[in-house]
PDB file of N, CA and C in Angstrom:
ATOM      1  N   UNK A   1       1.435   5.264  12.152  1.00  0.00           N
ATOM      2  CA  UNK A   1       1.389   3.971  12.806  1.00  0.00           C
ATOM      3  C   UNK A   1       0.814   2.948  11.821  1.00  0.00           C
ATOM      4  N   UNK A   2       1.462   1.812  11.761  1.00  0.00           N
ATOM      5  CA  UNK A   2       0.973   0.721  10.911  1.00  0.00           C
ATOM      6  C   UNK A   2       0.414  -0.367  11.809  1.00  0.00           C
ATOM      7  N   UNK A   3      -0.848  -0.708  11.574  1.00  0.00           N
ATOM      8  CA  UNK A   3      -1.513  -1.741  12.350  1.00  0.00           C
ATOM      9  C   UNK A   3      -2.597  -2.376  11.481  1.00  0.00           C
ATOM     10  N   UNK A   4      -3.380  -3.219  12.083  1.00  0.00           N
ATOM     11  CA  UNK A   4      -4.435  -3.927  11.353  1.00  0.00           C
ATOM     12  C   UNK A   4      -5.434  -2.950  10.709  1.00  0.00           C
ATOM     13  N   UNK A   5      -5.758  -1.887  11.433  1.00  0.00           N
ATOM     14  CA  UNK A   5      -6.699  -0.896  10.918  1.00  0.00           C
ATOM     15  C   UNK A   5      -6.154  -0.240   9.645  1.00  0.00           C
ATOM     16  N   UNK A   6      -4.857   0.091   9.638  1.00  0.00           N
ATOM     17  CA  UNK A   6      -4.244   0.690   8.454  1.00  0.00           C
ATOM     18  C   UNK A   6      -4.254  -0.311   7.301  1.00  0.00           C
ATOM     19  N   UNK A   7      -3.966  -1.569   7.589  1.00  0.00           N
ATOM     20  CA  UNK A   7      -3.992  -2.608   6.541  1.00  0.00           C
ATOM     21  C   UNK A   7      -5.392  -2.758   5.957  1.00  0.00           C
ATOM     22  N   UNK A   8      -6.404  -2.704   6.810  1.00  0.00           N
ATOM     23  CA  UNK A   8      -7.788  -2.789   6.336  1.00  0.00           C
ATOM     24  C   UNK A   8      -8.128  -1.595   5.440  1.00  0.00           C
ATOM     25  N   UNK A   9      -7.635  -0.420   5.801  1.00  0.00           N
ATOM     26  CA  UNK A   9      -7.852   0.766   4.986  1.00  0.00           C
ATOM     27  C   UNK A   9      -7.169   0.619   3.629  1.00  0.00           C
ATOM     28  N   UNK A  10      -5.924   0.140   3.620  1.00  0.00           N
ATOM     29  CA  UNK A  10      -5.212  -0.090   2.353  1.00  0.00           C
ATOM     30  C   UNK A  10      -5.958  -1.099   1.486  1.00  0.00           C
ATOM     31  N   UNK A  11      -6.475  -2.159   2.099  1.00  0.00           N
ATOM     32  CA  UNK A  11      -7.252  -3.158   1.351  1.00  0.00           C
ATOM     33  C   UNK A  11      -8.433  -2.491   0.659  1.00  0.00           C
ATOM     34  N   UNK A  12      -9.151  -1.667   1.385  1.00  0.00           N
ATOM     35  CA  UNK A  12     -10.315  -0.966   0.833  1.00  0.00           C
ATOM     36  C   UNK A  12      -9.897  -0.043  -0.314  1.00  0.00           C
ATOM     37  N   UNK A  13      -8.805   0.671  -0.140  1.00  0.00           N
ATOM     38  CA  UNK A  13      -8.328   1.604  -1.167  1.00  0.00           C
ATOM     39  C   UNK A  13      -7.867   0.857  -2.413  1.00  0.00           C
ATOM     40  N   UNK A  14      -7.140  -0.239  -2.226  1.00  0.00           N
ATOM     41  CA  UNK A  14      -6.703  -1.050  -3.373  1.00  0.00           C
ATOM     42  C   UNK A  14      -7.919  -1.585  -4.112  1.00  0.00           C
ATOM     43  N   UNK A  15      -8.895  -2.053  -3.363  1.00  0.00           N
ATOM     44  CA  UNK A  15     -10.124  -2.569  -3.968  1.00  0.00           C
ATOM     45  C   UNK A  15     -10.806  -1.497  -4.808  1.00  0.00           C
ATOM     46  N   UNK A  16     -10.887  -0.281  -4.269  1.00  0.00           N
ATOM     47  CA  UNK A  16     -11.513   0.826  -5.000  1.00  0.00           C
ATOM     48  C   UNK A  16     -10.729   1.161  -6.270  1.00  0.00           C
ATOM     49  N   UNK A  17      -9.398   1.194  -6.165  1.00  0.00           N
ATOM     50  CA  UNK A  17      -8.572   1.503  -7.328  1.00  0.00           C
ATOM     51  C   UNK A  17      -8.734   0.434  -8.409  1.00  0.00           C
ATOM     52  N   UNK A  18      -8.823  -0.820  -8.007  1.00  0.00           N
ATOM     53  CA  UNK A  18      -9.016  -1.902  -8.973  1.00  0.00           C
ATOM     54  C   UNK A  18     -10.377  -1.778  -9.657  1.00  0.00           C
ATOM     55  N   UNK A  19     -11.379  -1.467  -8.878  1.00  0.00           N
ATOM     56  CA  UNK A  19     -12.742  -1.372  -9.412  1.00  0.00           C
ATOM     57  C   UNK A  19     -12.862  -0.286 -10.479  1.00  0.00           C
ATOM     58  N   UNK A  20     -12.186   0.835 -10.263  1.00  0.00           N
ATOM     59  CA  UNK A  20     -12.316   1.964 -11.182  1.00  0.00           C
ATOM     60  C   UNK A  20     -11.164   2.078 -12.169  1.00  0.00           C
ATOM     61  N   UNK A  21     -10.298   1.087 -12.186  1.00  0.00           N
ATOM     62  CA  UNK A  21      -9.163   1.121 -13.106  1.00  0.00           C
ATOM     63  C   UNK A  21      -9.639   0.916 -14.545  1.00  0.00           C
ATOM     64  N   UNK A  22      -8.999   1.635 -15.452  1.00  0.00           N
ATOM     65  CA  UNK A  22      -9.314   1.465 -16.874  1.00  0.00           C
ATOM     66  C   UNK A  22      -8.399   0.424 -17.516  1.00  0.00           C
ATOM     67  N   UNK A  23      -7.443  -0.107 -16.761  1.00  0.00           N
ATOM     68  CA  UNK A  23      -6.497  -1.094 -17.290  1.00  0.00           C
ATOM     69  C   UNK A  23      -7.188  -2.450 -17.464  1.00  0.00           C
ATOM     70  N   UNK A  24      -7.146  -2.957 -18.678  1.00  0.00           N
ATOM     71  CA  UNK A  24      -7.773  -4.253 -18.970  1.00  0.00           C
ATOM     72  C   UNK A  24      -7.151  -5.392 -18.155  1.00  0.00           C
ATOM     73  N   UNK A  25      -5.862  -5.281 -17.880  1.00  0.00           N
ATOM     74  CA  UNK A  25      -5.142  -6.359 -17.184  1.00  0.00           C
ATOM     75  C   UNK A  25      -5.659  -6.604 -15.773  1.00  0.00           C
ATOM     76  N   UNK A  26      -6.331  -5.624 -15.167  1.00  0.00           N
ATOM     77  CA  UNK A  26      -6.818  -5.800 -13.793  1.00  0.00           C
ATOM     78  C   UNK A  26      -8.350  -5.814 -13.709  1.00  0.00           C
ATOM     79  N   UNK A  27      -9.014  -5.888 -14.835  1.00  0.00           N
ATOM     80  CA  UNK A  27     -10.479  -5.978 -14.817  1.00  0.00           C
ATOM     81  C   UNK A  27     -10.890  -7.259 -14.080  1.00  0.00           C
ATOM     82  N   UNK A  28     -11.802  -7.107 -13.151  1.00  0.00           N
ATOM     83  CA  UNK A  28     -12.286  -8.253 -12.390  1.00  0.00           C
ATOM     84  C   UNK A  28     -11.419  -8.614 -11.194  1.00  0.00           C
ATOM     85  N   UNK A  29     -10.334  -7.877 -10.972  1.00  0.00           N
ATOM     86  CA  UNK A  29      -9.471  -8.136  -9.814  1.00  0.00           C
ATOM     87  C   UNK A  29     -10.119  -7.567  -8.558  1.00  0.00           C
ATOM     88  N   UNK A  30      -9.806  -8.165  -7.442  1.00  0.00           N
ATOM     89  CA  UNK A  30     -10.212  -7.632  -6.157  1.00  0.00           C
ATOM     90  C   UNK A  30      -9.146  -7.955  -5.125  1.00  0.00           C
ATOM     91  N   UNK A  31      -9.196  -7.290  -4.001  1.00  0.00           N
ATOM     92  CA  UNK A  31      -8.186  -7.449  -2.946  1.00  0.00           C
ATOM     93  C   UNK A  31      -8.836  -8.139  -1.752  1.00  0.00           C
ATOM     94  N   UNK A  32      -8.168  -9.176  -1.259  1.00  0.00           N
ATOM     95  CA  UNK A  32      -8.699  -9.962  -0.149  1.00  0.00           C
ATOM     96  C   UNK A  32      -7.852  -9.839   1.114  1.00  0.00           C
ATOM     97  N   UNK A  33      -7.068  -8.771   1.228  1.00  0.00           N
ATOM     98  CA  UNK A  33      -6.326  -8.552   2.459  1.00  0.00           C
ATOM     99  C   UNK A  33      -4.942  -7.986   2.225  1.00  0.00           C
ATOM    100  N   UNK A  34      -4.454  -7.296   3.264  1.00  0.00           N
ATOM    101  CA  UNK A  34      -3.109  -6.717   3.271  1.00  0.00           C
ATOM    102  C   UNK A  34      -2.456  -7.112   4.584  1.00  0.00           C
ATOM    103  N   UNK A  35      -1.210  -7.562   4.495  1.00  0.00           N
ATOM    104  CA  UNK A  35      -0.463  -7.979   5.681  1.00  0.00           C
ATOM    105  C   UNK A  35       0.771  -7.113   5.879  1.00  0.00           C
ATOM    106  N   UNK A  36       1.071  -6.839   7.137  1.00  0.00           N
ATOM    107  CA  UNK A  36       2.309  -6.148   7.498  1.00  0.00           C
ATOM    108  C   UNK A  36       3.495  -7.078   7.290  1.00  0.00           C
ATOM    109  N   UNK A  37       4.710  -6.538   7.235  1.00  0.00           N
ATOM    110  CA  UNK A  37       5.891  -7.419   7.184  1.00  0.00           C
ATOM    111  C   UNK A  37       5.922  -8.335   8.408  1.00  0.00           C
ATOM    112  N   UNK A  38       6.524  -9.486   8.250  1.00  0.00           N
ATOM    113  CA  UNK A  38       6.592 -10.460   9.330  1.00  0.00           C
ATOM    114  C   UNK A  38       7.401  -9.936  10.517  1.00  0.00           C
ATOM    115  N   UNK A  39       8.530  -9.324  10.227  1.00  0.00           N
ATOM    116  CA  UNK A  39       9.394  -8.803  11.279  1.00  0.00           C
ATOM    117  C   UNK A  39       9.037  -7.349  11.596  1.00  0.00           C
ATOM    118  N   UNK A  40       8.779  -7.061  12.869  1.00  0.00           N
ATOM    119  CA  UNK A  40       8.411  -5.705  13.261  1.00  0.00           C
ATOM    120  C   UNK A  40       9.496  -4.701  12.906  1.00  0.00           C
ATOM    121  N   UNK A  41      10.756  -5.124  12.923  1.00  0.00           N
ATOM    122  CA  UNK A  41      11.853  -4.225  12.573  1.00  0.00           C
ATOM    123  C   UNK A  41      11.657  -3.635  11.173  1.00  0.00           C
ATOM    124  N   UNK A  42      11.054  -4.413  10.270  1.00  0.00           N
ATOM    125  CA  UNK A  42      10.898  -3.988   8.882  1.00  0.00           C
ATOM    126  C   UNK A  42       9.886  -2.859   8.704  1.00  0.00           C
ATOM    127  N   UNK A  43       9.207  -2.484   9.767  1.00  0.00           N
ATOM    128  CA  UNK A  43       8.347  -1.307   9.705  1.00  0.00           C
ATOM    129  C   UNK A  43       8.506  -0.433  10.948  1.00  0.00           C
ATOM    130  N   UNK A  44       9.678  -0.542  11.576  1.00  0.00           N
ATOM    131  CA  UNK A  44       9.996   0.301  12.725  1.00  0.00           C
ATOM    132  C   UNK A  44      10.259   1.735  12.239  1.00  0.00           C
ATOM    133  N   UNK A  45      10.076   2.718  13.107  1.00  0.00           N
ATOM    134  CA  UNK A  45      10.351   4.099  12.702  1.00  0.00           C
ATOM    135  C   UNK A  45      11.776   4.293  12.169  1.00  0.00           C
ATOM    136  N   UNK A  46      12.762   3.638  12.758  1.00  0.00           N
ATOM    137  CA  UNK A  46      14.138   3.774  12.277  1.00  0.00           C
ATOM    138  C   UNK A  46      14.271   3.212  10.861  1.00  0.00           C
ATOM    139  N   UNK A  47      13.711   2.026  10.627  1.00  0.00           N
ATOM    140  CA  UNK A  47      13.775   1.414   9.301  1.00  0.00           C
ATOM    141  C   UNK A  47      13.099   2.312   8.258  1.00  0.00           C
ATOM    142  N   UNK A  48      11.912   2.822   8.600  1.00  0.00           N
ATOM    143  CA  UNK A  48      11.178   3.681   7.674  1.00  0.00           C
ATOM    144  C   UNK A  48      11.961   4.961   7.410  1.00  0.00           C
ATOM    145  N   UNK A  49      12.542   5.547   8.451  1.00  0.00           N
ATOM    146  CA  UNK A  49      13.335   6.764   8.271  1.00  0.00           C
ATOM    147  C   UNK A  49      14.537   6.509   7.368  1.00  0.00           C
ATOM    148  N   UNK A  50      15.204   5.389   7.546  1.00  0.00           N
ATOM    149  CA  UNK A  50      16.394   5.069   6.749  1.00  0.00           C
ATOM    150  C   UNK A  50      16.060   4.726   5.302  1.00  0.00           C
ATOM    151  N   UNK A  51      14.930   4.029   5.083  1.00  0.00           N
ATOM    152  CA  UNK A  51      14.593   3.505   3.754  1.00  0.00           C
ATOM    153  C   UNK A  51      13.490   4.270   3.021  1.00  0.00           C
ATOM    154  N   UNK A  52      12.678   4.994   3.758  1.00  0.00           N
ATOM    155  CA  UNK A  52      11.561   5.766   3.212  1.00  0.00           C
ATOM    156  C   UNK A  52      10.510   4.900   2.510  1.00  0.00           C
ATOM    157  N   UNK A  53      10.546   3.620   2.742  1.00  0.00           N
ATOM    158  CA  UNK A  53       9.522   2.721   2.191  1.00  0.00           C
ATOM    159  C   UNK A  53       9.506   1.427   2.988  1.00  0.00           C
ATOM    160  N   UNK A  54       8.379   0.756   2.922  1.00  0.00           N
ATOM    161  CA  UNK A  54       8.270  -0.587   3.500  1.00  0.00           C
ATOM    162  C   UNK A  54       7.580  -1.477   2.478  1.00  0.00           C
ATOM    163  N   UNK A  55       7.731  -2.772   2.674  1.00  0.00           N
ATOM    164  CA  UNK A  55       7.121  -3.748   1.776  1.00  0.00           C
ATOM    165  C   UNK A  55       6.064  -4.529   2.551  1.00  0.00           C
ATOM    166  N   UNK A  56       4.845  -4.506   2.029  1.00  0.00           N
ATOM    167  CA  UNK A  56       3.737  -5.257   2.608  1.00  0.00           C
ATOM    168  C   UNK A  56       3.310  -6.320   1.605  1.00  0.00           C
ATOM    169  N   UNK A  57       2.383  -7.152   2.003  1.00  0.00           N
ATOM    170  CA  UNK A  57       1.848  -8.190   1.124  1.00  0.00           C
ATOM    171  C   UNK A  57       0.353  -7.976   0.958  1.00  0.00           C
ATOM    172  N   UNK A  58      -0.112  -8.101  -0.277  1.00  0.00           N
ATOM    173  CA  UNK A  58      -1.543  -8.013  -0.562  1.00  0.00           C
ATOM    174  C   UNK A  58      -1.957  -9.254  -1.328  1.00  0.00           C
ATOM    175  N   UNK A  59      -3.197  -9.641  -1.155  1.00  0.00           N
ATOM    176  CA  UNK A  59      -3.755 -10.772  -1.892  1.00  0.00           C
ATOM    177  C   UNK A  59      -4.758 -10.202  -2.897  1.00  0.00           C
ATOM    178  N   UNK A  60      -4.354 -10.261  -4.171  1.00  0.00           N
ATOM    179  CA  UNK A  60      -5.076  -9.574  -5.240  1.00  0.00           C
ATOM    180  C   UNK A  60      -5.215 -10.517  -6.429  1.00  0.00           C
ATOM    181  N   UNK A  61      -6.268 -10.342  -7.198  1.00  0.00           N
ATOM    182  CA  UNK A  61      -6.452 -11.099  -8.425  1.00  0.00           C
ATOM    183  C   UNK A  61      -7.915 -11.380  -8.656  1.00  0.00           C
ATOM    184  N   UNK A  62      -8.198 -12.152  -9.669  1.00  0.00           N
ATOM    185  CA  UNK A  62      -9.601 -12.489  -9.937  1.00  0.00           C
ATOM    186  C   UNK A  62     -10.176 -13.362  -8.828  1.00  0.00           C
ATOM    187  N   UNK A  63      -9.322 -14.159  -8.206  1.00  0.00           N
ATOM    188  CA  UNK A  63      -9.765 -14.966  -7.059  1.00  0.00           C
ATOM    189  C   UNK A  63      -9.474 -14.258  -5.745  1.00  0.00           C
ATOM    190  N   UNK A  64      -8.738 -13.156  -5.806  1.00  0.00           N
ATOM    191  CA  UNK A  64      -8.353 -12.437  -4.589  1.00  0.00           C
ATOM    192  C   UNK A  64      -7.245 -13.129  -3.832  1.00  0.00           C
ATOM    193  N   UNK A  65      -6.587 -14.111  -4.439  1.00  0.00           N
ATOM    194  CA  UNK A  65      -5.577 -14.884  -3.709  1.00  0.00           C
ATOM    195  C   UNK A  65      -4.175 -14.793  -4.295  1.00  0.00           C
ATOM    196  N   UNK A  66      -3.981 -14.012  -5.354  1.00  0.00           N
ATOM    197  CA  UNK A  66      -2.638 -13.826  -5.897  1.00  0.00           C
ATOM    198  C   UNK A  66      -1.808 -13.008  -4.924  1.00  0.00           C
ATOM    199  N   UNK A  67      -0.595 -13.439  -4.665  1.00  0.00           N
ATOM    200  CA  UNK A  67       0.262 -12.749  -3.697  1.00  0.00           C
ATOM    201  C   UNK A  67       1.010 -11.616  -4.401  1.00  0.00           C
ATOM    202  N   UNK A  68       0.731 -10.388  -3.980  1.00  0.00           N
ATOM    203  CA  UNK A  68       1.346  -9.189  -4.539  1.00  0.00           C
ATOM    204  C   UNK A  68       2.209  -8.516  -3.482  1.00  0.00           C
ATOM    205  N   UNK A  69       3.260  -7.853  -3.924  1.00  0.00           N
ATOM    206  CA  UNK A  69       4.106  -7.056  -3.053  1.00  0.00           C
ATOM    207  C   UNK A  69       3.642  -5.607  -3.155  1.00  0.00           C
ATOM    208  N   UNK A  70       3.439  -4.980  -2.002  1.00  0.00           N
ATOM    209  CA  UNK A  70       3.115  -3.551  -1.973  1.00  0.00           C
ATOM    210  C   UNK A  70       4.364  -2.809  -1.529  1.00  0.00           C
ATOM    211  N   UNK A  71       4.806  -1.866  -2.341  1.00  0.00           N
ATOM    212  CA  UNK A  71       5.865  -0.945  -1.924  1.00  0.00           C
ATOM    213  C   UNK A  71       5.163   0.326  -1.482  1.00  0.00           C
ATOM    214  N   UNK A  72       5.171   0.546  -0.173  1.00  0.00           N
ATOM    215  CA  UNK A  72       4.549   1.726   0.412  1.00  0.00           C
ATOM    216  C   UNK A  72       5.652   2.764   0.620  1.00  0.00           C
ATOM    217  N   UNK A  73       5.634   3.796  -0.214  1.00  0.00           N
ATOM    218  CA  UNK A  73       6.692   4.801  -0.207  1.00  0.00           C
ATOM    219  C   UNK A  73       6.232   6.030   0.572  1.00  0.00           C
ATOM    220  N   UNK A  74       7.070   6.457   1.503  1.00  0.00           N
ATOM    221  CA  UNK A  74       6.725   7.545   2.405  1.00  0.00           C
ATOM    222  C   UNK A  74       7.178   8.895   1.859  1.00  0.00           C
ATOM    223  N   UNK A  75       6.232   9.811   1.699  1.00  0.00           N
ATOM    224  CA  UNK A  75       6.558  11.202   1.383  1.00  0.00           C
ATOM    225  C   UNK A  75       6.927  11.916   2.672  1.00  0.00           C
ATOM    226  N   UNK A  76       7.247  13.188   2.574  1.00  0.00           N
ATOM    227  CA  UNK A  76       7.704  13.943   3.755  1.00  0.00           C
ATOM    228  C   UNK A  76       6.668  14.006   4.870  1.00  0.00           C
ATOM    229  N   UNK A  77       5.404  14.221   4.514  1.00  0.00           N
ATOM    230  CA  UNK A  77       4.355  14.313   5.530  1.00  0.00           C
ATOM    231  C   UNK A  77       4.185  12.980   6.263  1.00  0.00           C
ATOM    232  N   UNK A  78       4.118  11.887   5.518  1.00  0.00           N
ATOM    233  CA  UNK A  78       3.957  10.564   6.134  1.00  0.00           C
ATOM    234  C   UNK A  78       5.178  10.212   6.981  1.00  0.00           C
ATOM    235  N   UNK A  79       6.360  10.534   6.489  1.00  0.00           N
ATOM    236  CA  UNK A  79       7.591  10.250   7.223  1.00  0.00           C
ATOM    237  C   UNK A  79       7.616  10.988   8.564  1.00  0.00           C
ATOM    238  N   UNK A  80       7.241  12.235   8.536  1.00  0.00           N
ATOM    239  CA  UNK A  80       7.215  13.039   9.759  1.00  0.00           C
ATOM    240  C   UNK A  80       6.194  12.495  10.759  1.00  0.00           C
ATOM    241  N   UNK A  81       5.010  12.189  10.281  1.00  0.00           N
ATOM    242  CA  UNK A  81       3.964  11.671  11.174  1.00  0.00           C
ATOM    243  C   UNK A  81       4.338  10.297  11.731  1.00  0.00           C
ATOM    244  N   UNK A  82       4.916   9.453  10.889  1.00  0.00           N
ATOM    245  CA  UNK A  82       5.289   8.106  11.328  1.00  0.00           C
ATOM    246  C   UNK A  82       6.381   8.160  12.400  1.00  0.00           C
ATOM    247  N   UNK A  83       7.343   9.046  12.219  1.00  0.00           N
ATOM    248  CA  UNK A  83       8.441   9.189  13.188  1.00  0.00           C
ATOM    249  C   UNK A  83       7.917   9.613  14.556  1.00  0.00           C
ATOM    250  N   UNK A  84       6.799  10.343  14.559  1.00  0.00           N
ATOM    251  CA  UNK A  84       6.217  10.800  15.830  1.00  0.00           C
ATOM    252  C   UNK A  84       5.145   9.848  16.365  1.00  0.00           C
ATOM    253  N   UNK A  85       4.963   8.706  15.689  1.00  0.00           N
ATOM    254  CA  UNK A  85       3.990   7.716  16.140  1.00  0.00           C
ATOM    255  C   UNK A  85       2.550   8.114  15.881  1.00  0.00           C
ATOM    256  N   UNK A  86       2.340   9.006  14.907  1.00  0.00           N
ATOM    257  CA  UNK A  86       0.992   9.478  14.588  1.00  0.00           C
ATOM    258  C   UNK A  86       0.377   8.651  13.464  1.00  0.00           C
ATOM    259  N   UNK A  87      -0.923   8.752  13.352  1.00  0.00           N
ATOM    260  CA  UNK A  87      -1.668   8.057  12.299  1.00  0.00           C
ATOM    261  C   UNK A  87      -1.260   8.605  10.932  1.00  0.00           C
ATOM    262  N   UNK A  88      -0.985   7.722   9.987  1.00  0.00           N
ATOM    263  CA  UNK A  88      -0.596   8.167   8.640  1.00  0.00           C
ATOM    264  C   UNK A  88      -1.701   7.921   7.611  1.00  0.00           C
ATOM    265  N   UNK A  89      -2.866   7.503   8.055  1.00  0.00           N
ATOM    266  CA  UNK A  89      -3.931   7.208   7.094  1.00  0.00           C
ATOM    267  C   UNK A  89      -4.346   8.449   6.313  1.00  0.00           C
ATOM    268  N   UNK A  90      -4.213   9.644   6.911  1.00  0.00           N
ATOM    269  CA  UNK A  90      -4.562  10.855   6.167  1.00  0.00           C
ATOM    270  C   UNK A  90      -3.462  11.248   5.178  1.00  0.00           C
ATOM    271  N   UNK A  91      -2.377  10.483   5.123  1.00  0.00           N
ATOM    272  CA  UNK A  91      -1.308  10.711   4.149  1.00  0.00           C
ATOM    273  C   UNK A  91      -1.511   9.882   2.882  1.00  0.00           C
ATOM    274  N   UNK A  92      -2.581   9.116   2.841  1.00  0.00           N
ATOM    275  CA  UNK A  92      -2.898   8.353   1.637  1.00  0.00           C
ATOM    276  C   UNK A  92      -3.566   9.319   0.662  1.00  0.00           C
ATOM    277  N   UNK A  93      -2.977   9.512  -0.507  1.00  0.00           N
ATOM    278  CA  UNK A  93      -3.522  10.515  -1.441  1.00  0.00           C
ATOM    279  C   UNK A  93      -4.813  10.055  -2.103  1.00  0.00           C
ATOM    280  N   UNK A  94      -5.420  10.979  -2.805  1.00  0.00           N
ATOM    281  CA  UNK A  94      -6.653  10.717  -3.538  1.00  0.00           C
ATOM    282  C   UNK A  94      -6.407   9.857  -4.776  1.00  0.00           C
ATOM    283  N   UNK A  95      -5.157   9.735  -5.195  1.00  0.00           N
ATOM    284  CA  UNK A  95      -4.741   8.939  -6.352  1.00  0.00           C
ATOM    285  C   UNK A  95      -5.225   9.493  -7.671  1.00  0.00           C
ATOM    286  N   UNK A  96      -5.575  10.764  -7.711  1.00  0.00           N
ATOM    287  CA  UNK A  96      -5.931  11.382  -8.985  1.00  0.00           C
ATOM    288  C   UNK A  96      -4.682  11.719  -9.793  1.00  0.00           C
ATOM    289  N   UNK A  97      -3.552  11.873  -9.078  1.00  0.00           N
ATOM    290  CA  UNK A  97      -2.291  12.186  -9.751  1.00  0.00           C
ATOM    291  C   UNK A  97      -1.609  10.908 -10.217  1.00  0.00           C
ATOM    292  N   UNK A  98      -1.001  10.968 -11.385  1.00  0.00           N
ATOM    293  CA  UNK A  98      -0.254   9.819 -11.894  1.00  0.00           C
ATOM    294  C   UNK A  98       0.933   9.520 -10.989  1.00  0.00           C
ATOM    295  N   UNK A  99       1.233   8.246 -10.843  1.00  0.00           N
ATOM    296  CA  UNK A  99       2.393   7.827 -10.079  1.00  0.00           C
ATOM    297  C   UNK A  99       2.143   7.630  -8.599  1.00  0.00           C
ATOM    298  N   UNK A 100       0.952   7.981  -8.114  1.00  0.00           N
ATOM    299  CA  UNK A 100       0.654   7.815  -6.694  1.00  0.00           C
ATOM    300  C   UNK A 100       0.189   6.390  -6.379  1.00  0.00           C
ATOM    301  N   UNK A 101      -0.384   5.719  -7.377  1.00  0.00           N
ATOM    302  CA  UNK A 101      -0.828   4.333  -7.227  1.00  0.00           C
ATOM    303  C   UNK A 101      -0.591   3.628  -8.557  1.00  0.00           C
ATOM    304  N   UNK A 102       0.154   2.550  -8.515  1.00  0.00           N
ATOM    305  CA  UNK A 102       0.398   1.762  -9.725  1.00  0.00           C
ATOM    306  C   UNK A 102       0.284   0.287  -9.373  1.00  0.00           C
ATOM    307  N   UNK A 103      -0.294  -0.475 -10.285  1.00  0.00           N
ATOM    308  CA  UNK A 103      -0.352  -1.927 -10.112  1.00  0.00           C
ATOM    309  C   UNK A 103       0.188  -2.569 -11.381  1.00  0.00           C
ATOM    310  N   UNK A 104       1.064  -3.537 -11.192  1.00  0.00           N
ATOM    311  CA  UNK A 104       1.680  -4.236 -12.314  1.00  0.00           C
ATOM    312  C   UNK A 104       1.386  -5.728 -12.155  1.00  0.00           C
ATOM    313  N   UNK A 105       0.381  -6.244 -12.877  1.00  0.00           N
ATOM    314  CA  UNK A 105       0.019  -7.661 -12.739  1.00  0.00           C
ATOM    315  C   UNK A 105       1.132  -8.620 -13.163  1.00  0.00           C
ATOM    316  N   UNK A 106       1.977  -8.228 -14.111  1.00  0.00           N
ATOM    317  CA  UNK A 106       3.030  -9.154 -14.559  1.00  0.00           C
ATOM    318  C   UNK A 106       4.108  -9.354 -13.503  1.00  0.00           C
ATOM    319  N   UNK A 107       4.448  -8.289 -12.752  1.00  0.00           N
ATOM    320  CA  UNK A 107       5.451  -8.437 -11.694  1.00  0.00           C
ATOM    321  C   UNK A 107       4.807  -8.643 -10.328  1.00  0.00           C
ATOM    322  N   UNK A 108       3.472  -8.590 -10.288  1.00  0.00           N
ATOM    323  CA  UNK A 108       2.701  -8.743  -9.049  1.00  0.00           C
ATOM    324  C   UNK A 108       3.180  -7.745  -7.988  1.00  0.00           C
ATOM    325  N   UNK A 109       3.216  -6.491  -8.430  1.00  0.00           N
ATOM    326  CA  UNK A 109       3.688  -5.411  -7.550  1.00  0.00           C
ATOM    327  C   UNK A 109       2.720  -4.244  -7.590  1.00  0.00           C
ATOM    328  N   UNK A 110       2.504  -3.654  -6.406  1.00  0.00           N
ATOM    329  CA  UNK A 110       1.681  -2.462  -6.256  1.00  0.00           C
ATOM    330  C   UNK A 110       2.563  -1.389  -5.627  1.00  0.00           C
ATOM    331  N   UNK A 111       2.558  -0.205  -6.227  1.00  0.00           N
ATOM    332  CA  UNK A 111       3.306   0.931  -5.682  1.00  0.00           C
ATOM    333  C   UNK A 111       2.316   1.956  -5.171  1.00  0.00           C
ATOM    334  N   UNK A 112       2.504   2.376  -3.913  1.00  0.00           N
ATOM    335  CA  UNK A 112       1.652   3.406  -3.332  1.00  0.00           C
ATOM    336  C   UNK A 112       2.572   4.483  -2.762  1.00  0.00           C
ATOM    337  N   UNK A 113       2.392   5.705  -3.245  1.00  0.00           N
ATOM    338  CA  UNK A 113       3.172   6.845  -2.783  1.00  0.00           C
ATOM    339  C   UNK A 113       2.346   7.637  -1.792  1.00  0.00           C
ATOM    340  N   UNK A 114       2.788   7.685  -0.541  1.00  0.00           N
ATOM    341  CA  UNK A 114       2.112   8.487   0.475  1.00  0.00           C
ATOM    342  C   UNK A 114       2.564   9.942   0.355  1.00  0.00           C
ATOM    343  N   UNK A 115       1.760  10.839   0.872  1.00  0.00           N
ATOM    344  CA  UNK A 115       2.105  12.270   0.865  1.00  0.00           C
ATOM    345  C   UNK A 115       3.253  12.532   1.814  1.00  0.00           C
TER     346      UNK A 115
END
């Protein structure tokens, strides 16, 4: 389920990843919020099942106000839980593995791979 609580959790996780990132390009960055897509259809179970990802908006940067696109990609566990209307917050990985969380300041894009 995607709701305000999940967005707040993503904000906290992005903030933590920025804080501990070794990338010089994001030093001093912080996250000031995550928003769901405007249209509910864009994060409906059918849409997620068909596309396996959704696009959210985050406000990130040294001022916390740069508009970034989050591509939230659903793995099998998250896809299954989402289809059943269950909480997917436990599908957010620890991000110790490469490719599970990426931030690209030049394209203003964040990629998050759920389990």
